[in-house]
Amino acid sequence: MRQKNVKATFVGHDHDNNFTSSFRGIQLNYGNVTGYNCYGELTRGVREIDVSKDAIKTRIILFSETSDNCSD
């Protein structure tokens, strides 16, 4: 962090967590719950990460929004 070259961090595992926030200029992103063998009520999906020279953008893609989901 002293070199000020860290822009974001991304973490996650199969629990009921899903958020994006910022702390001291670093974007903190927690991935969406993906698995079906875990607790929680969040809709399963993934966090898409788009990293460019000027910005870091994320969005949640829910499995229910895709035609090729893993419920079958």
Protein backbone atom coordinates (compact mmCIF):
# COMPACT_ATOMS: atom_id res chain seq x y z
CA MET A 1 0.00 0.00 0.00
CA ARG A 2 2.92 2.34 0.54
CA GLN A 3 3.61 2.39 -3.18
CA LYS A 4 -0.04 3.29 -3.81
CA ASN A 5 -0.26 0.75 -6.61
CA VAL A 6 -3.06 -1.39 -5.09
CA LYS A 7 -6.39 -0.37 -6.59
CA ALA A 8 -8.68 -3.22 -5.56
CA THR A 9 -8.95 -6.58 -3.87
CA PHE A 10 -11.44 -9.36 -4.60
CA VAL A 11 -12.37 -12.20 -2.25
CA GLY A 12 -15.22 -14.59 -1.62
CA HIS A 13 -16.42 -18.04 -0.73
CA ASP A 14 -19.74 -19.88 -0.55
CA HIS A 15 -21.55 -17.96 2.16
CA ASP A 16 -24.23 -15.28 2.23
CA ASN A 17 -21.92 -12.33 1.48
CA ASN A 18 -21.95 -9.88 -1.39
CA PHE A 19 -20.68 -6.31 -1.21
CA THR A 20 -18.45 -3.65 -2.72
CA SER A 21 -16.95 -0.82 -0.70
CA SER A 22 -13.90 1.43 -0.58
CA PHE A 23 -11.33 1.91 2.19
CA ARG A 24 -8.44 4.38 1.95
CA GLY A 25 -8.79 4.54 -1.81
CA ILE A 26 -8.78 0.77 -2.32
CA GLN A 27 -11.90 -0.86 -3.74
CA LEU A 28 -12.92 -3.91 -1.66
CA ASN A 29 -15.11 -6.48 -3.42
CA TYR A 30 -16.68 -9.60 -2.00
CA GLY A 31 -17.82 -12.12 -4.58
CA ASN A 32 -21.38 -13.35 -4.82
CA VAL A 33 -22.30 -16.71 -3.31
CA THR A 34 -21.98 -19.31 -6.08
CA GLY A 35 -22.44 -22.78 -4.62
CA TYR A 36 -25.58 -24.72 -3.84
CA ASN A 37 -24.19 -26.66 -0.86
CA CYS A 38 -23.92 -23.68 1.50
CA TYR A 39 -26.16 -21.64 3.78
CA GLY A 40 -27.87 -18.37 2.96
CA GLU A 41 -30.70 -16.88 0.97
CA LEU A 42 -28.85 -14.84 -1.66
CA THR A 43 -29.54 -15.79 -5.27
CA ARG A 44 -26.56 -17.69 -6.65
CA GLY A 45 -24.40 -15.99 -9.25
CA VAL A 46 -20.96 -14.56 -9.97
CA ARG A 47 -19.26 -11.18 -9.72
CA GLU A 48 -17.94 -10.06 -13.11
CA ILE A 49 -14.82 -7.88 -12.86
CA ASP A 50 -13.85 -5.44 -15.63
CA VAL A 51 -10.41 -3.92 -15.08
CA SER A 52 -9.23 -1.15 -17.39
CA LYS A 53 -6.53 1.48 -17.20
CA ASP A 54 -8.97 4.09 -15.87
CA ALA A 55 -11.47 2.13 -13.79
CA ILE A 56 -12.49 -1.09 -12.09
CA LYS A 57 -16.13 -2.01 -12.60
CA THR A 58 -18.00 -4.96 -11.16
CA ARG A 59 -21.47 -6.36 -11.52
CA ILE A 60 -23.35 -9.39 -10.29
CA ILE A 61 -24.64 -11.87 -12.85
CA LEU A 62 -27.24 -14.13 -11.26
CA PHE A 63 -27.49 -17.71 -12.44
CA SER A 64 -31.23 -17.16 -12.82
CA GLU A 65 -30.47 -14.45 -15.43
CA THR A 66 -28.47 -16.78 -17.68
CA SER A 67 -29.74 -19.45 -20.01
CA ASP A 68 -26.93 -21.84 -19.06
CA ASN A 69 -27.23 -22.07 -15.28
CA CYS A 70 -26.06 -24.88 -13.06
CA SER A 71 -29.43 -25.92 -11.68
CA ASP A 72 -29.78 -28.81 -14.14
